[in-house]
């Protein structure tokens, strides 16, 4: 099956939802620690992807455009690597259709 032919199953959608809720909680907890995190969380393509994942509405691979800007021109990468506990990377890989580690718990991270 080629990348454009991928259709996500219900189990995938459940995972996206878990990751999205955990990511949203982590962003809320760290929003004031990293100057660009709040801006990124409101970036329409990311906010839409997060909303769609929480609503289990992602059926095919979805890409958040301009991630190179956010990774290399802001402090988002620093947050993602140290505070975001890999949730952002996991989320972006998952919704793009790439392999990712499944979340076994309810997505609660570091007591947040």
PDB file of N, CA and C in Angstrom:
ATOM      1  N   UNK A   1       0.853  -1.177   0.000  1.00  0.00           N
ATOM      2  CA  UNK A   1       0.000   0.000   0.000  1.00  0.00           C
ATOM      3  C   UNK A   1       0.896   1.235   0.000  1.00  0.00           C
ATOM      4  N   UNK A   2       0.683   2.120  -0.919  1.00  0.00           N
ATOM      5  CA  UNK A   2       1.486   3.342  -0.978  1.00  0.00           C
ATOM      6  C   UNK A   2       0.913   4.402  -0.044  1.00  0.00           C
ATOM      7  N   UNK A   3       1.743   5.393   0.253  1.00  0.00           N
ATOM      8  CA  UNK A   3       1.368   6.412   1.239  1.00  0.00           C
ATOM      9  C   UNK A   3       0.025   7.077   0.948  1.00  0.00           C
ATOM     10  N   UNK A   4      -0.266   7.492  -0.286  1.00  0.00           N
ATOM     11  CA  UNK A   4      -1.560   8.144  -0.515  1.00  0.00           C
ATOM     12  C   UNK A   4      -2.758   7.204  -0.342  1.00  0.00           C
ATOM     13  N   UNK A   5      -2.493   5.889  -0.380  1.00  0.00           N
ATOM     14  CA  UNK A   5      -3.582   4.925  -0.255  1.00  0.00           C
ATOM     15  C   UNK A   5      -3.897   4.544   1.188  1.00  0.00           C
ATOM     16  N   UNK A   6      -3.162   5.079   2.121  1.00  0.00           N
ATOM     17  CA  UNK A   6      -3.378   4.741   3.532  1.00  0.00           C
ATOM     18  C   UNK A   6      -4.731   5.289   3.980  1.00  0.00           C
ATOM     19  N   UNK A   7      -5.488   4.428   4.650  1.00  0.00           N
ATOM     20  CA  UNK A   7      -6.734   4.839   5.298  1.00  0.00           C
ATOM     21  C   UNK A   7      -6.622   4.366   6.737  1.00  0.00           C
ATOM     22  N   UNK A   8      -6.795   5.283   7.678  1.00  0.00           N
ATOM     23  CA  UNK A   8      -6.636   4.948   9.081  1.00  0.00           C
ATOM     24  C   UNK A   8      -7.848   4.185   9.600  1.00  0.00           C
ATOM     25  N   UNK A   9      -7.574   3.175  10.429  1.00  0.00           N
ATOM     26  CA  UNK A   9      -8.635   2.384  11.040  1.00  0.00           C
ATOM     27  C   UNK A   9      -9.063   3.032  12.361  1.00  0.00           C
ATOM     28  N   UNK A  10     -10.065   2.455  12.981  1.00  0.00           N
ATOM     29  CA  UNK A  10     -10.593   3.002  14.234  1.00  0.00           C
ATOM     30  C   UNK A  10      -9.532   2.964  15.341  1.00  0.00           C
ATOM     31  N   UNK A  11      -8.712   1.916  15.359  1.00  0.00           N
ATOM     32  CA  UNK A  11      -7.645   1.831  16.361  1.00  0.00           C
ATOM     33  C   UNK A  11      -6.651   2.976  16.196  1.00  0.00           C
ATOM     34  N   UNK A  12      -6.303   3.303  14.944  1.00  0.00           N
ATOM     35  CA  UNK A  12      -5.427   4.443  14.692  1.00  0.00           C
ATOM     36  C   UNK A  12      -6.069   5.723  15.216  1.00  0.00           C
ATOM     37  N   UNK A  13      -7.326   5.916  14.907  1.00  0.00           N
ATOM     38  CA  UNK A  13      -8.033   7.131  15.337  1.00  0.00           C
ATOM     39  C   UNK A  13      -8.072   7.237  16.854  1.00  0.00           C
ATOM     40  N   UNK A  14      -8.235   6.087  17.531  1.00  0.00           N
ATOM     41  CA  UNK A  14      -8.216   6.092  18.998  1.00  0.00           C
ATOM     42  C   UNK A  14      -6.851   6.519  19.511  1.00  0.00           C
ATOM     43  N   UNK A  15      -5.787   6.039  18.874  1.00  0.00           N
ATOM     44  CA  UNK A  15      -4.434   6.424  19.270  1.00  0.00           C
ATOM     45  C   UNK A  15      -4.193   7.905  19.027  1.00  0.00           C
ATOM     46  N   UNK A  16      -4.615   8.392  17.862  1.00  0.00           N
ATOM     47  CA  UNK A  16      -4.446   9.822  17.566  1.00  0.00           C
ATOM     48  C   UNK A  16      -5.130  10.658  18.632  1.00  0.00           C
ATOM     49  N   UNK A  17      -6.315  10.219  19.045  1.00  0.00           N
ATOM     50  CA  UNK A  17      -7.061  10.954  20.059  1.00  0.00           C
ATOM     51  C   UNK A  17      -6.303  10.971  21.389  1.00  0.00           C
ATOM     52  N   UNK A  18      -5.780   9.827  21.811  1.00  0.00           N
ATOM     53  CA  UNK A  18      -5.004   9.767  23.063  1.00  0.00           C
ATOM     54  C   UNK A  18      -3.800  10.700  23.002  1.00  0.00           C
ATOM     55  N   UNK A  19      -3.076  10.610  21.892  1.00  0.00           N
ATOM     56  CA  UNK A  19      -1.885  11.444  21.744  1.00  0.00           C
ATOM     57  C   UNK A  19      -2.266  12.922  21.742  1.00  0.00           C
ATOM     58  N   UNK A  20      -3.345  13.261  21.038  1.00  0.00           N
ATOM     59  CA  UNK A  20      -3.784  14.655  20.940  1.00  0.00           C
ATOM     60  C   UNK A  20      -4.160  15.221  22.307  1.00  0.00           C
ATOM     61  N   UNK A  21      -4.899  14.463  23.100  1.00  0.00           N
ATOM     62  CA  UNK A  21      -5.280  14.952  24.424  1.00  0.00           C
ATOM     63  C   UNK A  21      -4.058  15.102  25.325  1.00  0.00           C
ATOM     64  N   UNK A  22      -3.130  14.150  25.257  1.00  0.00           N
ATOM     65  CA  UNK A  22      -1.909  14.246  26.058  1.00  0.00           C
ATOM     66  C   UNK A  22      -1.077  15.445  25.611  1.00  0.00           C
ATOM     67  N   UNK A  23      -0.978  15.635  24.312  1.00  0.00           N
ATOM     68  CA  UNK A  23      -0.224  16.768  23.769  1.00  0.00           C
ATOM     69  C   UNK A  23      -0.862  18.088  24.180  1.00  0.00           C
ATOM     70  N   UNK A  24      -2.158  18.160  24.122  1.00  0.00           N
ATOM     71  CA  UNK A  24      -2.865  19.382  24.524  1.00  0.00           C
ATOM     72  C   UNK A  24      -2.607  19.711  25.993  1.00  0.00           C
ATOM     73  N   UNK A  25      -2.633  18.690  26.852  1.00  0.00           N
ATOM     74  CA  UNK A  25      -2.354  18.913  28.283  1.00  0.00           C
ATOM     75  C   UNK A  25      -0.914  19.367  28.502  1.00  0.00           C
ATOM     76  N   UNK A  26       0.022  18.764  27.765  1.00  0.00           N
ATOM     77  CA  UNK A  26       1.431  19.134  27.907  1.00  0.00           C
ATOM     78  C   UNK A  26       1.658  20.567  27.440  1.00  0.00           C
ATOM     79  N   UNK A  27       1.033  20.947  26.338  1.00  0.00           N
ATOM     80  CA  UNK A  27       1.147  22.320  25.837  1.00  0.00           C
ATOM     81  C   UNK A  27       0.594  23.299  26.866  1.00  0.00           C
ATOM     82  N   UNK A  28      -0.558  22.982  27.435  1.00  0.00           N
ATOM     83  CA  UNK A  28      -1.166  23.869  28.437  1.00  0.00           C
ATOM     84  C   UNK A  28      -0.243  24.033  29.648  1.00  0.00           C
ATOM     85  N   UNK A  29       0.416  22.954  30.053  1.00  0.00           N
ATOM     86  CA  UNK A  29       1.302  23.011  31.215  1.00  0.00           C
ATOM     87  C   UNK A  29       2.570  23.811  30.935  1.00  0.00           C
ATOM     88  N   UNK A  30       3.027  23.804  29.686  1.00  0.00           N
ATOM     89  CA  UNK A  30       4.308  24.427  29.340  1.00  0.00           C
ATOM     90  C   UNK A  30       4.179  25.739  28.580  1.00  0.00           C
ATOM     91  N   UNK A  31       2.985  26.150  28.308  1.00  0.00           N
ATOM     92  CA  UNK A  31       2.723  27.323  27.460  1.00  0.00           C
ATOM     93  C   UNK A  31       3.523  28.559  27.877  1.00  0.00           C
ATOM     94  N   UNK A  32       3.687  28.786  29.168  1.00  0.00           N
ATOM     95  CA  UNK A  32       4.381  29.986  29.638  1.00  0.00           C
ATOM     96  C   UNK A  32       5.894  29.812  29.738  1.00  0.00           C
ATOM     97  N   UNK A  33       6.395  28.596  29.600  1.00  0.00           N
ATOM     98  CA  UNK A  33       7.828  28.339  29.701  1.00  0.00           C
ATOM     99  C   UNK A  33       8.560  28.579  28.385  1.00  0.00           C
ATOM    100  N   UNK A  34       7.862  28.458  27.278  1.00  0.00           N
ATOM    101  CA  UNK A  34       8.484  28.559  25.962  1.00  0.00           C
ATOM    102  C   UNK A  34       7.721  29.577  25.135  1.00  0.00           C
ATOM    103  N   UNK A  35       8.407  30.639  24.725  1.00  0.00           N
ATOM    104  CA  UNK A  35       7.742  31.783  24.105  1.00  0.00           C
ATOM    105  C   UNK A  35       6.979  31.444  22.831  1.00  0.00           C
ATOM    106  N   UNK A  36       7.449  30.481  22.064  1.00  0.00           N
ATOM    107  CA  UNK A  36       6.794  30.179  20.791  1.00  0.00           C
ATOM    108  C   UNK A  36       5.737  29.085  20.888  1.00  0.00           C
ATOM    109  N   UNK A  37       5.665  28.413  22.011  1.00  0.00           N
ATOM    110  CA  UNK A  37       4.716  27.310  22.149  1.00  0.00           C
ATOM    111  C   UNK A  37       3.268  27.785  22.048  1.00  0.00           C
ATOM    112  N   UNK A  38       2.956  28.898  22.678  1.00  0.00           N
ATOM    113  CA  UNK A  38       1.589  29.413  22.615  1.00  0.00           C
ATOM    114  C   UNK A  38       1.220  29.802  21.183  1.00  0.00           C
ATOM    115  N   UNK A  39       2.149  30.448  20.488  1.00  0.00           N
ATOM    116  CA  UNK A  39       1.891  30.816  19.084  1.00  0.00           C
ATOM    117  C   UNK A  39       1.673  29.570  18.235  1.00  0.00           C
ATOM    118  N   UNK A  40       2.522  28.557  18.430  1.00  0.00           N
ATOM    119  CA  UNK A  40       2.391  27.325  17.652  1.00  0.00           C
ATOM    120  C   UNK A  40       1.062  26.634  17.942  1.00  0.00           C
ATOM    121  N   UNK A  41       0.655  26.624  19.191  1.00  0.00           N
ATOM    122  CA  UNK A  41      -0.592  25.939  19.545  1.00  0.00           C
ATOM    123  C   UNK A  41      -1.804  26.598  18.888  1.00  0.00           C
ATOM    124  N   UNK A  42      -1.660  27.868  18.503  1.00  0.00           N
ATOM    125  CA  UNK A  42      -2.741  28.576  17.830  1.00  0.00           C
ATOM    126  C   UNK A  42      -2.573  28.625  16.311  1.00  0.00           C
ATOM    127  N   UNK A  43      -1.466  28.076  15.798  1.00  0.00           N
ATOM    128  CA  UNK A  43      -1.210  28.037  14.363  1.00  0.00           C
ATOM    129  C   UNK A  43      -2.323  27.205  13.722  1.00  0.00           C
ATOM    130  N   UNK A  44      -3.124  27.805  12.835  1.00  0.00           N
ATOM    131  CA  UNK A  44      -4.330  27.130  12.333  1.00  0.00           C
ATOM    132  C   UNK A  44      -4.144  25.702  11.810  1.00  0.00           C
ATOM    133  N   UNK A  45      -3.136  25.392  10.997  1.00  0.00           N
ATOM    134  CA  UNK A  45      -3.018  23.996  10.555  1.00  0.00           C
ATOM    135  C   UNK A  45      -2.777  23.011  11.701  1.00  0.00           C
ATOM    136  N   UNK A  46      -1.974  23.420  12.701  1.00  0.00           N
ATOM    137  CA  UNK A  46      -1.744  22.546  13.851  1.00  0.00           C
ATOM    138  C   UNK A  46      -2.996  22.448  14.711  1.00  0.00           C
ATOM    139  N   UNK A  47      -3.612  23.582  14.995  1.00  0.00           N
ATOM    140  CA  UNK A  47      -4.827  23.580  15.820  1.00  0.00           C
ATOM    141  C   UNK A  47      -5.922  22.730  15.171  1.00  0.00           C
ATOM    142  N   UNK A  48      -6.041  22.814  13.852  1.00  0.00           N
ATOM    143  CA  UNK A  48      -7.032  22.001  13.135  1.00  0.00           C
ATOM    144  C   UNK A  48      -6.696  20.517  13.227  1.00  0.00           C
ATOM    145  N   UNK A  49      -5.420  20.170  13.061  1.00  0.00           N
ATOM    146  CA  UNK A  49      -5.010  18.767  13.148  1.00  0.00           C
ATOM    147  C   UNK A  49      -5.283  18.217  14.543  1.00  0.00           C
ATOM    148  N   UNK A  50      -4.993  18.998  15.561  1.00  0.00           N
ATOM    149  CA  UNK A  50      -5.243  18.577  16.938  1.00  0.00           C
ATOM    150  C   UNK A  50      -6.739  18.371  17.174  1.00  0.00           C
ATOM    151  N   UNK A  51      -7.541  19.307  16.702  1.00  0.00           N
ATOM    152  CA  UNK A  51      -8.992  19.194  16.855  1.00  0.00           C
ATOM    153  C   UNK A  51      -9.528  17.962  16.133  1.00  0.00           C
ATOM    154  N   UNK A  52      -9.089  17.757  14.894  1.00  0.00           N
ATOM    155  CA  UNK A  52      -9.543  16.602  14.122  1.00  0.00           C
ATOM    156  C   UNK A  52      -9.146  15.289  14.795  1.00  0.00           C
ATOM    157  N   UNK A  53      -7.954  15.247  15.356  1.00  0.00           N
ATOM    158  CA  UNK A  53      -7.508  14.033  16.046  1.00  0.00           C
ATOM    159  C   UNK A  53      -8.368  13.780  17.283  1.00  0.00           C
ATOM    160  N   UNK A  54      -8.656  14.828  18.040  1.00  0.00           N
ATOM    161  CA  UNK A  54      -9.484  14.667  19.241  1.00  0.00           C
ATOM    162  C   UNK A  54     -10.893  14.213  18.876  1.00  0.00           C
ATOM    163  N   UNK A  55     -11.368  14.613  17.719  1.00  0.00           N
ATOM    164  CA  UNK A  55     -12.716  14.235  17.250  1.00  0.00           C
ATOM    165  C   UNK A  55     -12.704  12.939  16.436  1.00  0.00           C
ATOM    166  N   UNK A  56     -11.542  12.308  16.330  1.00  0.00           N
ATOM    167  CA  UNK A  56     -11.360  11.070  15.554  1.00  0.00           C
ATOM    168  C   UNK A  56     -11.785  11.253  14.100  1.00  0.00           C
ATOM    169  N   UNK A  57     -11.415  12.376  13.514  1.00  0.00           N
ATOM    170  CA  UNK A  57     -11.825  12.709  12.149  1.00  0.00           C
ATOM    171  C   UNK A  57     -10.691  12.638  11.133  1.00  0.00           C
ATOM    172  N   UNK A  58      -9.547  12.078  11.516  1.00  0.00           N
ATOM    173  CA  UNK A  58      -8.436  11.960  10.567  1.00  0.00           C
ATOM    174  C   UNK A  58      -8.505  10.569   9.939  1.00  0.00           C
ATOM    175  N   UNK A  59      -8.897  10.523   8.686  1.00  0.00           N
ATOM    176  CA  UNK A  59      -9.062   9.256   7.977  1.00  0.00           C
ATOM    177  C   UNK A  59      -7.876   8.902   7.094  1.00  0.00           C
ATOM    178  N   UNK A  60      -7.172   9.912   6.618  1.00  0.00           N
ATOM    179  CA  UNK A  60      -6.029   9.724   5.723  1.00  0.00           C
ATOM    180  C   UNK A  60      -4.871  10.561   6.248  1.00  0.00           C
ATOM    181  N   UNK A  61      -3.652  10.246   5.824  1.00  0.00           N
ATOM    182  CA  UNK A  61      -2.493  11.015   6.295  1.00  0.00           C
ATOM    183  C   UNK A  61      -2.688  12.524   6.129  1.00  0.00           C
ATOM    184  N   UNK A  62      -2.272  13.228   7.153  1.00  0.00           N
ATOM    185  CA  UNK A  62      -2.442  14.677   7.220  1.00  0.00           C
ATOM    186  C   UNK A  62      -1.098  15.293   7.592  1.00  0.00           C
ATOM    187  N   UNK A  63      -0.708  16.305   6.867  1.00  0.00           N
ATOM    188  CA  UNK A  63       0.565  16.970   7.141  1.00  0.00           C
ATOM    189  C   UNK A  63       0.304  18.386   7.647  1.00  0.00           C
ATOM    190  N   UNK A  64       1.042  18.776   8.671  1.00  0.00           N
ATOM    191  CA  UNK A  64       0.985  20.149   9.166  1.00  0.00           C
ATOM    192  C   UNK A  64       2.063  20.921   8.399  1.00  0.00           C
ATOM    193  N   UNK A  65       1.660  21.847   7.532  1.00  0.00           N
ATOM    194  CA  UNK A  65       2.644  22.566   6.718  1.00  0.00           C
ATOM    195  C   UNK A  65       3.520  23.510   7.540  1.00  0.00           C
ATOM    196  N   UNK A  66       4.651  23.833   6.970  1.00  0.00           N
ATOM    197  CA  UNK A  66       5.596  24.813   7.541  1.00  0.00           C
ATOM    198  C   UNK A  66       6.238  24.376   8.850  1.00  0.00           C
ATOM    199  N   UNK A  67       6.339  23.067   9.069  1.00  0.00           N
ATOM    200  CA  UNK A  67       6.983  22.600  10.299  1.00  0.00           C
ATOM    201  C   UNK A  67       8.472  22.939  10.322  1.00  0.00           C
ATOM    202  N   UNK A  68       9.095  23.079   9.144  1.00  0.00           N
ATOM    203  CA  UNK A  68      10.507  23.480   9.123  1.00  0.00           C
ATOM    204  C   UNK A  68      10.686  24.835   9.792  1.00  0.00           C
ATOM    205  N   UNK A  69       9.789  25.756   9.532  1.00  0.00           N
ATOM    206  CA  UNK A  69       9.852  27.063  10.193  1.00  0.00           C
ATOM    207  C   UNK A  69       9.773  26.878  11.710  1.00  0.00           C
ATOM    208  N   UNK A  70       8.771  26.145  12.166  1.00  0.00           N
ATOM    209  CA  UNK A  70       8.567  25.983  13.603  1.00  0.00           C
ATOM    210  C   UNK A  70       9.735  25.247  14.250  1.00  0.00           C
ATOM    211  N   UNK A  71      10.311  24.284  13.548  1.00  0.00           N
ATOM    212  CA  UNK A  71      11.427  23.528  14.110  1.00  0.00           C
ATOM    213  C   UNK A  71      12.734  24.313  14.138  1.00  0.00           C
ATOM    214  N   UNK A  72      12.976  25.124  13.120  1.00  0.00           N
ATOM    215  CA  UNK A  72      14.292  25.751  13.000  1.00  0.00           C
ATOM    216  C   UNK A  72      14.324  27.245  13.294  1.00  0.00           C
ATOM    217  N   UNK A  73      13.208  27.896  13.291  1.00  0.00           N
ATOM    218  CA  UNK A  73      13.179  29.347  13.509  1.00  0.00           C
ATOM    219  C   UNK A  73      12.549  29.747  14.839  1.00  0.00           C
ATOM    220  N   UNK A  74      12.120  28.775  15.616  1.00  0.00           N
ATOM    221  CA  UNK A  74      11.495  29.059  16.911  1.00  0.00           C
ATOM    222  C   UNK A  74      12.118  28.143  17.965  1.00  0.00           C
ATOM    223  N   UNK A  75      11.691  28.277  19.206  1.00  0.00           N
ATOM    224  CA  UNK A  75      12.204  27.398  20.252  1.00  0.00           C
ATOM    225  C   UNK A  75      11.302  26.176  20.451  1.00  0.00           C
ATOM    226  N   UNK A  76      10.459  25.882  19.486  1.00  0.00           N
ATOM    227  CA  UNK A  76       9.558  24.740  19.579  1.00  0.00           C
ATOM    228  C   UNK A  76      10.323  23.419  19.674  1.00  0.00           C
ATOM    229  N   UNK A  77      11.403  23.287  18.921  1.00  0.00           N
ATOM    230  CA  UNK A  77      12.175  22.051  18.949  1.00  0.00           C
ATOM    231  C   UNK A  77      12.744  21.805  20.349  1.00  0.00           C
ATOM    232  N   UNK A  78      13.182  22.857  20.998  1.00  0.00           N
ATOM    233  CA  UNK A  78      13.698  22.729  22.368  1.00  0.00           C
ATOM    234  C   UNK A  78      12.609  22.205  23.296  1.00  0.00           C
ATOM    235  N   UNK A  79      11.413  22.758  23.183  1.00  0.00           N
ATOM    236  CA  UNK A  79      10.291  22.278  23.999  1.00  0.00           C
ATOM    237  C   UNK A  79       9.975  20.832  23.672  1.00  0.00           C
ATOM    238  N   UNK A  80       9.870  20.522  22.406  1.00  0.00           N
ATOM    239  CA  UNK A  80       9.493  19.182  21.983  1.00  0.00           C
ATOM    240  C   UNK A  80      10.488  18.144  22.481  1.00  0.00           C
ATOM    241  N   UNK A  81      11.760  18.471  22.431  1.00  0.00           N
ATOM    242  CA  UNK A  81      12.804  17.527  22.827  1.00  0.00           C
ATOM    243  C   UNK A  81      12.863  17.348  24.339  1.00  0.00           C
ATOM    244  N   UNK A  82      12.714  18.428  25.098  1.00  0.00           N
ATOM    245  CA  UNK A  82      12.919  18.344  26.540  1.00  0.00           C
ATOM    246  C   UNK A  82      11.625  18.277  27.346  1.00  0.00           C
ATOM    247  N   UNK A  83      10.693  19.111  27.063  1.00  0.00           N
ATOM    248  CA  UNK A  83       9.471  19.171  27.858  1.00  0.00           C
ATOM    249  C   UNK A  83       8.321  18.396  27.215  1.00  0.00           C
ATOM    250  N   UNK A  84       8.267  18.417  25.895  1.00  0.00           N
ATOM    251  CA  UNK A  84       7.147  17.799  25.183  1.00  0.00           C
ATOM    252  C   UNK A  84       7.178  16.290  25.177  1.00  0.00           C
ATOM    253  N   UNK A  85       8.207  15.710  25.801  1.00  0.00           N
ATOM    254  CA  UNK A  85       8.364  14.259  25.945  1.00  0.00           C
ATOM    255  C   UNK A  85       8.068  13.502  24.653  1.00  0.00           C
ATOM    256  N   UNK A  86       8.421  14.101  23.548  1.00  0.00           N
ATOM    257  CA  UNK A  86       8.243  13.428  22.270  1.00  0.00           C
ATOM    258  C   UNK A  86       6.814  13.384  21.766  1.00  0.00           C
ATOM    259  N   UNK A  87       5.895  13.967  22.498  1.00  0.00           N
ATOM    260  CA  UNK A  87       4.491  13.908  22.089  1.00  0.00           C
ATOM    261  C   UNK A  87       4.241  14.601  20.752  1.00  0.00           C
ATOM    262  N   UNK A  88       4.885  15.728  20.545  1.00  0.00           N
ATOM    263  CA  UNK A  88       4.676  16.438  19.284  1.00  0.00           C
ATOM    264  C   UNK A  88       5.182  15.602  18.123  1.00  0.00           C
ATOM    265  N   UNK A  89       6.371  15.048  18.254  1.00  0.00           N
ATOM    266  CA  UNK A  89       6.920  14.209  17.186  1.00  0.00           C
ATOM    267  C   UNK A  89       6.035  12.994  16.950  1.00  0.00           C
ATOM    268  N   UNK A  90       5.614  12.367  18.020  1.00  0.00           N
ATOM    269  CA  UNK A  90       4.744  11.192  17.902  1.00  0.00           C
ATOM    270  C   UNK A  90       3.447  11.564  17.188  1.00  0.00           C
ATOM    271  N   UNK A  91       2.867  12.696  17.557  1.00  0.00           N
ATOM    272  CA  UNK A  91       1.618  13.141  16.949  1.00  0.00           C
ATOM    273  C   UNK A  91       1.800  13.386  15.455  1.00  0.00           C
ATOM    274  N   UNK A  92       2.849  14.125  15.099  1.00  0.00           N
ATOM    275  CA  UNK A  92       3.078  14.463  13.691  1.00  0.00           C
ATOM    276  C   UNK A  92       3.385  13.219  12.861  1.00  0.00           C
ATOM    277  N   UNK A  93       4.182  12.302  13.396  1.00  0.00           N
ATOM    278  CA  UNK A  93       4.464  11.049  12.688  1.00  0.00           C
ATOM    279  C   UNK A  93       3.183  10.241  12.494  1.00  0.00           C
ATOM    280  N   UNK A  94       2.404  10.136  13.554  1.00  0.00           N
ATOM    281  CA  UNK A  94       1.189   9.321  13.500  1.00  0.00           C
ATOM    282  C   UNK A  94       0.211   9.828  12.446  1.00  0.00           C
ATOM    283  N   UNK A  95      -0.086  11.124  12.482  1.00  0.00           N
ATOM    284  CA  UNK A  95      -1.089  11.638  11.539  1.00  0.00           C
ATOM    285  C   UNK A  95      -0.562  11.690  10.110  1.00  0.00           C
ATOM    286  N   UNK A  96       0.773  11.617   9.949  1.00  0.00           N
ATOM    287  CA  UNK A  96       1.374  11.552   8.612  1.00  0.00           C
ATOM    288  C   UNK A  96       1.369  10.137   8.059  1.00  0.00           C
ATOM    289  N   UNK A  97       1.038   9.151   8.889  1.00  0.00           N
ATOM    290  CA  UNK A  97       1.000   7.771   8.426  1.00  0.00           C
ATOM    291  C   UNK A  97       2.285   7.010   8.644  1.00  0.00           C
ATOM    292  N   UNK A  98       3.212   7.566   9.430  1.00  0.00           N
ATOM    293  CA  UNK A  98       4.470   6.891   9.722  1.00  0.00           C
ATOM    294  C   UNK A  98       4.338   6.087  11.010  1.00  0.00           C
ATOM    295  N   UNK A  99       5.190   5.070  11.194  1.00  0.00           N
ATOM    296  CA  UNK A  99       5.139   4.285  12.430  1.00  0.00           C
ATOM    297  C   UNK A  99       5.422   5.155  13.661  1.00  0.00           C
ATOM    298  N   UNK A 100       4.777   4.827  14.757  1.00  0.00           N
ATOM    299  CA  UNK A 100       4.944   5.558  16.014  1.00  0.00           C
ATOM    300  C   UNK A 100       4.710   4.579  17.150  1.00  0.00           C
ATOM    301  N   UNK A 101       5.158   4.933  18.345  1.00  0.00           N
ATOM    302  CA  UNK A 101       4.926   4.093  19.515  1.00  0.00           C
ATOM    303  C   UNK A 101       3.515   4.312  20.022  1.00  0.00           C
ATOM    304  N   UNK A 102       2.822   3.223  20.250  1.00  0.00           N
ATOM    305  CA  UNK A 102       1.446   3.269  20.729  1.00  0.00           C
ATOM    306  C   UNK A 102       1.438   3.697  22.189  1.00  0.00           C
ATOM    307  N   UNK A 103       0.456   4.508  22.562  1.00  0.00           N
ATOM    308  CA  UNK A 103       0.299   4.916  23.966  1.00  0.00           C
ATOM    309  C   UNK A 103      -0.570   3.875  24.656  1.00  0.00           C
ATOM    310  N   UNK A 104      -0.035   3.278  25.692  1.00  0.00           N
ATOM    311  CA  UNK A 104      -0.769   2.237  26.414  1.00  0.00           C
ATOM    312  C   UNK A 104      -1.708   2.818  27.476  1.00  0.00           C
ATOM    313  N   UNK A 105      -1.333   3.975  28.024  1.00  0.00           N
ATOM    314  CA  UNK A 105      -2.143   4.569  29.078  1.00  0.00           C
ATOM    315  C   UNK A 105      -3.138   5.572  28.488  1.00  0.00           C
ATOM    316  N   UNK A 106      -3.724   6.356  29.326  1.00  0.00           N
ATOM    317  CA  UNK A 106      -4.726   7.316  28.881  1.00  0.00           C
ATOM    318  C   UNK A 106      -4.119   8.618  28.365  1.00  0.00           C
ATOM    319  N   UNK A 107      -2.813   8.657  28.264  1.00  0.00           N
ATOM    320  CA  UNK A 107      -2.164   9.842  27.754  1.00  0.00           C
ATOM    321  C   UNK A 107      -1.762  10.835  28.808  1.00  0.00           C
ATOM    322  N   UNK A 108      -1.920  10.516  30.096  1.00  0.00           N
ATOM    323  CA  UNK A 108      -1.497  11.416  31.150  1.00  0.00           C
ATOM    324  C   UNK A 108       0.016  11.336  31.232  1.00  0.00           C
ATOM    325  N   UNK A 109       0.649  12.490  31.139  1.00  0.00           N
ATOM    326  CA  UNK A 109       2.101  12.556  31.116  1.00  0.00           C
ATOM    327  C   UNK A 109       2.589  13.412  32.267  1.00  0.00           C
ATOM    328  N   UNK A 110       3.511  12.884  33.047  1.00  0.00           N
ATOM    329  CA  UNK A 110       4.141  13.643  34.145  1.00  0.00           C
ATOM    330  C   UNK A 110       3.104  14.292  35.066  1.00  0.00           C
ATOM    331  N   UNK A 111       2.016  13.612  35.326  1.00  0.00           N
ATOM    332  CA  UNK A 111       1.016  14.122  36.252  1.00  0.00           C
ATOM    333  C   UNK A 111       0.248  15.315  35.750  1.00  0.00           C
ATOM    334  N   UNK A 112       0.385  15.662  34.474  1.00  0.00           N
ATOM    335  CA  UNK A 112      -0.330  16.842  33.956  1.00  0.00           C
ATOM    336  C   UNK A 112      -1.753  16.486  33.601  1.00  0.00           C
TER     337      UNK A 112
END
